[in-house]
Amino acid sequence: MTQKEKLEKGLIQIYTGNAKGKSTASFGLAVRAAGHGFKVVIIQFMKTGTYYGEISGLKRLAPEVELHSYGRNGFVHRRGVLKEDIDLAHQAMEHAEKALLDPETDLLILDEINNALYFELLTVEEVLNLLDKKPEHVELVLTGRNAPPELIERAHLVTEMKEIKHPYQMGIKSRKGIEY
């Protein structure tokens, strides 16, 4: 029996910005990593249910890809944050730490964690503490708008998605299978 190949040097990546494609880019990376036999864990902050097509799509890549969603139904609004939102974000962080420290994990994606920070469900210090625990071989990806400067400083790769043109500007609504 041969030992599974591991990354020699895992990096920290951030996908942020006001345009679509942040989660999609991270999920593309998950597909690529799974194709090479890497163990991928995706933890979604502020999302739940089967509304998002990627949830059922990524579950088809099991056992290489695990997807865990922590969020209540509906949207979080800056002035309407509930205790439940904060509790779910902290549950997601606990799961993230376990996954990060699991020697089987090769790629950990924290989807929408930047939004959890923006809505003050978590603190930047909590996320920086998690980054401090990252093993050498784990690739760590953080997605969501409004990535704070402290995280950008720590990352090895930062991609900002910039909206130039979007179908909603022409009155085209979100389409199942494309935008969600």
C-alpha atoms as a PDB file:
ATOM      1  CA  MET A   1       0.000   0.000   0.000  1.00  0.00           C
ATOM      2  CA  THR A   2       1.441   3.349  -1.017  1.00  0.00           C
ATOM      3  CA  GLN A   3       1.098   6.571   0.907  1.00  0.00           C
ATOM      4  CA  LYS A   4      -1.223   9.147  -0.655  1.00  0.00           C
ATOM      5  CA  GLU A   5       0.596  12.081  -2.221  1.00  0.00           C
ATOM      6  CA  LYS A   6       0.437  15.344  -0.236  1.00  0.00           C
ATOM      7  CA  LEU A   7       1.189  18.909  -1.175  1.00  0.00           C
ATOM      8  CA  GLU A   8       4.669  19.909  -0.086  1.00  0.00           C
ATOM      9  CA  LYS A   9       3.626  23.501   0.536  1.00  0.00           C
ATOM     10  CA  GLY A  10       0.012  24.495   1.020  1.00  0.00           C
ATOM     11  CA  LEU A  11      -0.785  28.160   0.483  1.00  0.00           C
ATOM     12  CA  ILE A  12      -3.524  30.546   1.577  1.00  0.00           C
ATOM     13  CA  GLN A  13      -5.750  31.857  -1.206  1.00  0.00           C
ATOM     14  CA  ILE A  14      -8.484  34.491  -1.096  1.00  0.00           C
ATOM     15  CA  TYR A  15     -11.185  35.044  -3.711  1.00  0.00           C
ATOM     16  CA  THR A  16     -12.967  38.327  -2.994  1.00  0.00           C
ATOM     17  CA  GLY A  17     -14.587  41.266  -4.777  1.00  0.00           C
ATOM     18  CA  ASN A  18     -18.030  42.475  -5.795  1.00  0.00           C
ATOM     19  CA  ALA A  19     -18.517  40.214  -8.830  1.00  0.00           C
ATOM     20  CA  LYS A  20     -19.757  36.651  -9.127  1.00  0.00           C
ATOM     21  CA  GLY A  21     -17.335  33.766  -9.377  1.00  0.00           C
ATOM     22  CA  LYS A  22     -15.626  33.568  -5.988  1.00  0.00           C
ATOM     23  CA  SER A  23     -17.272  30.377  -4.785  1.00  0.00           C
ATOM     24  CA  THR A  24     -17.292  29.015  -8.320  1.00  0.00           C
ATOM     25  CA  ALA A  25     -13.522  29.472  -8.597  1.00  0.00           C
ATOM     26  CA  SER A  26     -12.938  27.687  -5.300  1.00  0.00           C
ATOM     27  CA  PHE A  27     -15.238  24.823  -6.336  1.00  0.00           C
ATOM     28  CA  GLY A  28     -13.327  24.487  -9.605  1.00  0.00           C
ATOM     29  CA  LEU A  29     -10.183  24.096  -7.521  1.00  0.00           C
ATOM     30  CA  ALA A  30     -12.000  21.431  -5.461  1.00  0.00           C
ATOM     31  CA  VAL A  31     -12.813  19.490  -8.640  1.00  0.00           C
ATOM     32  CA  ARG A  32      -9.193  19.719  -9.791  1.00  0.00           C
ATOM     33  CA  ALA A  33      -7.855  18.570  -6.409  1.00  0.00           C
ATOM     34  CA  ALA A  34     -10.362  15.692  -6.215  1.00  0.00           C
ATOM     35  CA  GLY A  35      -9.258  14.624  -9.682  1.00  0.00           C
ATOM     36  CA  HIS A  36      -5.761  14.116  -8.278  1.00  0.00           C
ATOM     37  CA  GLY A  37      -7.076  12.159  -5.292  1.00  0.00           C
ATOM     38  CA  PHE A  38      -6.725  14.960  -2.758  1.00  0.00           C
ATOM     39  CA  LYS A  39      -9.131  15.146   0.180  1.00  0.00           C
ATOM     40  CA  VAL A  40     -11.199  18.345  -0.030  1.00  0.00           C
ATOM     41  CA  VAL A  41     -13.347  19.777   2.746  1.00  0.00           C
ATOM     42  CA  ILE A  42     -15.669  22.682   1.990  1.00  0.00           C
ATOM     43  CA  ILE A  43     -17.307  24.555   4.835  1.00  0.00           C
ATOM     44  CA  GLN A  44     -19.935  27.061   3.803  1.00  0.00           C
ATOM     45  CA  PHE A  45     -20.714  29.987   6.072  1.00  0.00           C
ATOM     46  CA  MET A  46     -24.174  31.589   5.883  1.00  0.00           C
ATOM     47  CA  LYS A  47     -25.526  29.007   3.396  1.00  0.00           C
ATOM     48  CA  THR A  48     -27.805  26.020   3.826  1.00  0.00           C
ATOM     49  CA  GLY A  49     -30.240  23.758   2.053  1.00  0.00           C
ATOM     50  CA  THR A  50     -30.411  22.547  -1.506  1.00  0.00           C
ATOM     51  CA  TYR A  51     -31.147  25.944  -3.084  1.00  0.00           C
ATOM     52  CA  TYR A  52     -27.600  26.235  -4.390  1.00  0.00           C
ATOM     53  CA  GLY A  53     -26.859  23.779  -7.205  1.00  0.00           C
ATOM     54  CA  GLU A  54     -23.250  23.402  -6.146  1.00  0.00           C
ATOM     55  CA  ILE A  55     -24.323  21.632  -2.954  1.00  0.00           C
ATOM     56  CA  SER A  56     -25.839  18.640  -4.743  1.00  0.00           C
ATOM     57  CA  GLY A  57     -23.207  18.803  -7.497  1.00  0.00           C
ATOM     58  CA  LEU A  58     -20.243  18.686  -5.130  1.00  0.00           C
ATOM     59  CA  LYS A  59     -21.772  15.870  -3.092  1.00  0.00           C
ATOM     60  CA  ARG A  60     -21.411  13.726  -6.222  1.00  0.00           C
ATOM     61  CA  LEU A  61     -17.633  13.994  -5.785  1.00  0.00           C
ATOM     62  CA  ALA A  62     -17.684  12.161  -2.449  1.00  0.00           C
ATOM     63  CA  PRO A  63     -15.662  10.719  -0.815  1.00  0.00           C
ATOM     64  CA  GLU A  64     -12.873  12.996  -2.076  1.00  0.00           C
ATOM     65  CA  VAL A  65     -15.016  16.101  -1.492  1.00  0.00           C
ATOM     66  CA  GLU A  66     -16.984  16.790   1.688  1.00  0.00           C
ATOM     67  CA  LEU A  67     -19.354  19.736   1.842  1.00  0.00           C
ATOM     68  CA  HIS A  68     -20.804  21.115   5.090  1.00  0.00           C
ATOM     69  CA  SER A  69     -23.156  24.103   5.207  1.00  0.00           C
ATOM     70  CA  TYR A  70     -23.759  26.287   8.239  1.00  0.00           C
ATOM     71  CA  GLY A  71     -26.476  28.842   7.844  1.00  0.00           C
ATOM     72  CA  ARG A  72     -30.155  29.368   8.399  1.00  0.00           C
ATOM     73  CA  ASN A  73     -32.727  29.701   5.668  1.00  0.00           C
ATOM     74  CA  GLY A  74     -32.963  33.243   4.385  1.00  0.00           C
ATOM     75  CA  PHE A  75     -30.432  36.012   4.163  1.00  0.00           C
ATOM     76  CA  VAL A  76     -28.414  37.709   6.882  1.00  0.00           C
ATOM     77  CA  HIS A  77     -28.808  41.479   6.925  1.00  0.00           C
ATOM     78  CA  ARG A  78     -26.332  43.807   8.627  1.00  0.00           C
ATOM     79  CA  ARG A  79     -28.962  45.189  11.039  1.00  0.00           C
ATOM     80  CA  GLY A  80     -30.766  41.874  11.383  1.00  0.00           C
ATOM     81  CA  VAL A  81     -28.059  39.508  12.590  1.00  0.00           C
ATOM     82  CA  LEU A  82     -29.536  36.865  14.867  1.00  0.00           C
ATOM     83  CA  LYS A  83     -27.843  34.974  17.668  1.00  0.00           C
ATOM     84  CA  GLU A  84     -28.472  31.881  15.536  1.00  0.00           C
ATOM     85  CA  ASP A  85     -26.306  33.368  12.761  1.00  0.00           C
ATOM     86  CA  ILE A  86     -23.425  33.929  15.181  1.00  0.00           C
ATOM     87  CA  ASP A  87     -23.817  30.457  16.688  1.00  0.00           C
ATOM     88  CA  LEU A  88     -23.832  28.801  13.256  1.00  0.00           C
ATOM     89  CA  ALA A  89     -20.717  30.743  12.210  1.00  0.00           C
ATOM     90  CA  HIS A  90     -18.916  29.553  15.340  1.00  0.00           C
ATOM     91  CA  GLN A  91     -20.011  25.967  14.698  1.00  0.00           C
ATOM     92  CA  ALA A  92     -18.577  26.324  11.197  1.00  0.00           C
ATOM     93  CA  MET A  93     -15.300  27.632  12.658  1.00  0.00           C
ATOM     94  CA  GLU A  94     -15.076  24.667  15.041  1.00  0.00           C
ATOM     95  CA  HIS A  95     -15.601  22.317  12.125  1.00  0.00           C
ATOM     96  CA  ALA A  96     -13.041  24.264  10.084  1.00  0.00           C
ATOM     97  CA  GLU A  97     -10.401  23.830  12.790  1.00  0.00           C
ATOM     98  CA  LYS A  98     -11.052  20.087  13.022  1.00  0.00           C
ATOM     99  CA  ALA A  99     -10.841  19.731   9.249  1.00  0.00           C
ATOM    100  CA  LEU A 100      -7.695  21.874   9.089  1.00  0.00           C
ATOM    101  CA  LEU A 101      -5.931  19.731  11.676  1.00  0.00           C
ATOM    102  CA  ASP A 102      -7.117  16.416  10.209  1.00  0.00           C
ATOM    103  CA  PRO A 103      -4.039  14.879   8.563  1.00  0.00           C
ATOM    104  CA  GLU A 104      -6.257  13.597   5.709  1.00  0.00           C
ATOM    105  CA  THR A 105      -7.311  17.106   4.618  1.00  0.00           C
ATOM    106  CA  ASP A 106      -5.405  18.472   1.629  1.00  0.00           C
ATOM    107  CA  LEU A 107      -7.624  21.401   0.612  1.00  0.00           C
ATOM    108  CA  LEU A 108      -9.918  23.322   2.950  1.00  0.00           C
ATOM    109  CA  ILE A 109     -12.319  25.856   1.446  1.00  0.00           C
ATOM    110  CA  LEU A 110     -14.035  28.311   3.796  1.00  0.00           C
ATOM    111  CA  ASP A 111     -16.778  29.545   1.507  1.00  0.00           C
ATOM    112  CA  GLU A 112     -18.235  32.974   2.370  1.00  0.00           C
ATOM    113  CA  ILE A 113     -16.084  33.358   5.477  1.00  0.00           C
ATOM    114  CA  ASN A 114     -15.274  36.932   4.437  1.00  0.00           C
ATOM    115  CA  ASN A 115     -19.005  37.706   4.502  1.00  0.00           C
ATOM    116  CA  ALA A 116     -19.248  36.162   7.962  1.00  0.00           C
ATOM    117  CA  LEU A 117     -16.565  38.652   9.012  1.00  0.00           C
ATOM    118  CA  TYR A 118     -18.333  41.553   7.285  1.00  0.00           C
ATOM    119  CA  PHE A 119     -21.570  40.735   9.128  1.00  0.00           C
ATOM    120  CA  GLU A 120     -19.575  40.443  12.380  1.00  0.00           C
ATOM    121  CA  LEU A 121     -20.530  36.819  12.948  1.00  0.00           C
ATOM    122  CA  LEU A 122     -16.825  36.173  13.537  1.00  0.00           C
ATOM    123  CA  THR A 123     -13.850  38.364  14.362  1.00  0.00           C
ATOM    124  CA  VAL A 124     -10.738  38.830  12.256  1.00  0.00           C
ATOM    125  CA  GLU A 125      -8.733  37.606  15.259  1.00  0.00           C
ATOM    126  CA  GLU A 126     -10.623  34.301  15.255  1.00  0.00           C
ATOM    127  CA  VAL A 127      -9.829  33.750  11.594  1.00  0.00           C
ATOM    128  CA  LEU A 128      -6.181  34.796  12.002  1.00  0.00           C
ATOM    129  CA  ASN A 129      -5.891  32.303  14.879  1.00  0.00           C
ATOM    130  CA  LEU A 130      -7.176  29.603  12.543  1.00  0.00           C
ATOM    131  CA  LEU A 131      -4.617  30.596   9.889  1.00  0.00           C
ATOM    132  CA  ASP A 132      -1.887  30.290  12.530  1.00  0.00           C
ATOM    133  CA  LYS A 133      -2.821  26.598  12.955  1.00  0.00           C
ATOM    134  CA  LYS A 134      -2.603  25.723   9.243  1.00  0.00           C
ATOM    135  CA  PRO A 135      -0.382  22.680   8.672  1.00  0.00           C
ATOM    136  CA  GLU A 136       2.304  23.041   6.009  1.00  0.00           C
ATOM    137  CA  HIS A 137       0.652  20.677   3.510  1.00  0.00           C
ATOM    138  CA  VAL A 138      -2.908  22.127   3.591  1.00  0.00           C
ATOM    139  CA  GLU A 139      -4.104  24.527   0.893  1.00  0.00           C
ATOM    140  CA  LEU A 140      -6.578  26.965   2.476  1.00  0.00           C
ATOM    141  CA  VAL A 141      -9.062  29.028   0.453  1.00  0.00           C
ATOM    142  CA  LEU A 142     -11.224  31.833   1.848  1.00  0.00           C
ATOM    143  CA  THR A 143     -14.042  33.271  -0.259  1.00  0.00           C
ATOM    144  CA  GLY A 144     -16.531  36.117  -0.023  1.00  0.00           C
ATOM    145  CA  ARG A 145     -16.802  39.823  -0.559  1.00  0.00           C
ATOM    146  CA  ASN A 146     -15.071  42.351   1.669  1.00  0.00           C
ATOM    147  CA  ALA A 147     -11.944  40.391   2.591  1.00  0.00           C
ATOM    148  CA  PRO A 148     -10.332  42.341   5.433  1.00  0.00           C
ATOM    149  CA  PRO A 149      -6.820  43.753   4.911  1.00  0.00           C
ATOM    150  CA  GLU A 150      -5.387  41.566   7.691  1.00  0.00           C
ATOM    151  CA  LEU A 151      -6.342  38.425   5.768  1.00  0.00           C
ATOM    152  CA  ILE A 152      -5.174  39.830   2.455  1.00  0.00           C
ATOM    153  CA  GLU A 153      -1.809  40.526   4.092  1.00  0.00           C
ATOM    154  CA  ARG A 154      -1.493  36.888   5.230  1.00  0.00           C
ATOM    155  CA  ALA A 155      -2.556  35.284   1.935  1.00  0.00           C
ATOM    156  CA  HIS A 156      -0.193  34.043  -0.752  1.00  0.00           C
ATOM    157  CA  LEU A 157      -2.703  34.577  -3.551  1.00  0.00           C
ATOM    158  CA  VAL A 158      -5.532  37.112  -3.649  1.00  0.00           C
ATOM    159  CA  THR A 159      -7.936  37.371  -6.568  1.00  0.00           C
ATOM    160  CA  GLU A 160     -10.469  40.182  -6.696  1.00  0.00           C
ATOM    161  CA  MET A 161     -13.503  39.547  -8.859  1.00  0.00           C
ATOM    162  CA  LYS A 162     -14.509  42.897 -10.346  1.00  0.00           C
ATOM    163  CA  GLU A 163     -17.920  43.347 -11.887  1.00  0.00           C
ATOM    164  CA  ILE A 164     -17.804  45.063 -15.253  1.00  0.00           C
ATOM    165  CA  LYS A 165     -21.171  43.985 -16.620  1.00  0.00           C
ATOM    166  CA  HIS A 166     -23.882  41.730 -15.189  1.00  0.00           C
ATOM    167  CA  PRO A 167     -27.159  40.383 -16.606  1.00  0.00           C
ATOM    168  CA  TYR A 168     -29.183  41.864 -13.728  1.00  0.00           C
ATOM    169  CA  GLN A 169     -28.327  45.307 -15.137  1.00  0.00           C
ATOM    170  CA  MET A 170     -30.438  44.280 -18.145  1.00  0.00           C
ATOM    171  CA  GLY A 171     -33.283  42.989 -15.973  1.00  0.00           C
ATOM    172  CA  ILE A 172     -32.266  39.324 -16.285  1.00  0.00           C
ATOM    173  CA  LYS A 173     -32.944  37.488 -13.014  1.00  0.00           C
ATOM    174  CA  SER A 174     -30.752  34.796 -11.463  1.00  0.00           C
ATOM    175  CA  ARG A 175     -31.020  31.520 -13.341  1.00  0.00           C
ATOM    176  CA  LYS A 176     -31.126  28.067 -11.751  1.00  0.00           C
ATOM    177  CA  GLY A 177     -28.000  26.094 -12.628  1.00  0.00           C
ATOM    178  CA  ILE A 178     -26.057  29.201 -13.655  1.00  0.00           C
ATOM    179  CA  GLU A 179     -26.174  31.775 -10.837  1.00  0.00           C
ATOM    180  CA  TYR A 180     -27.320  29.402  -8.109  1.00  0.00           C
END
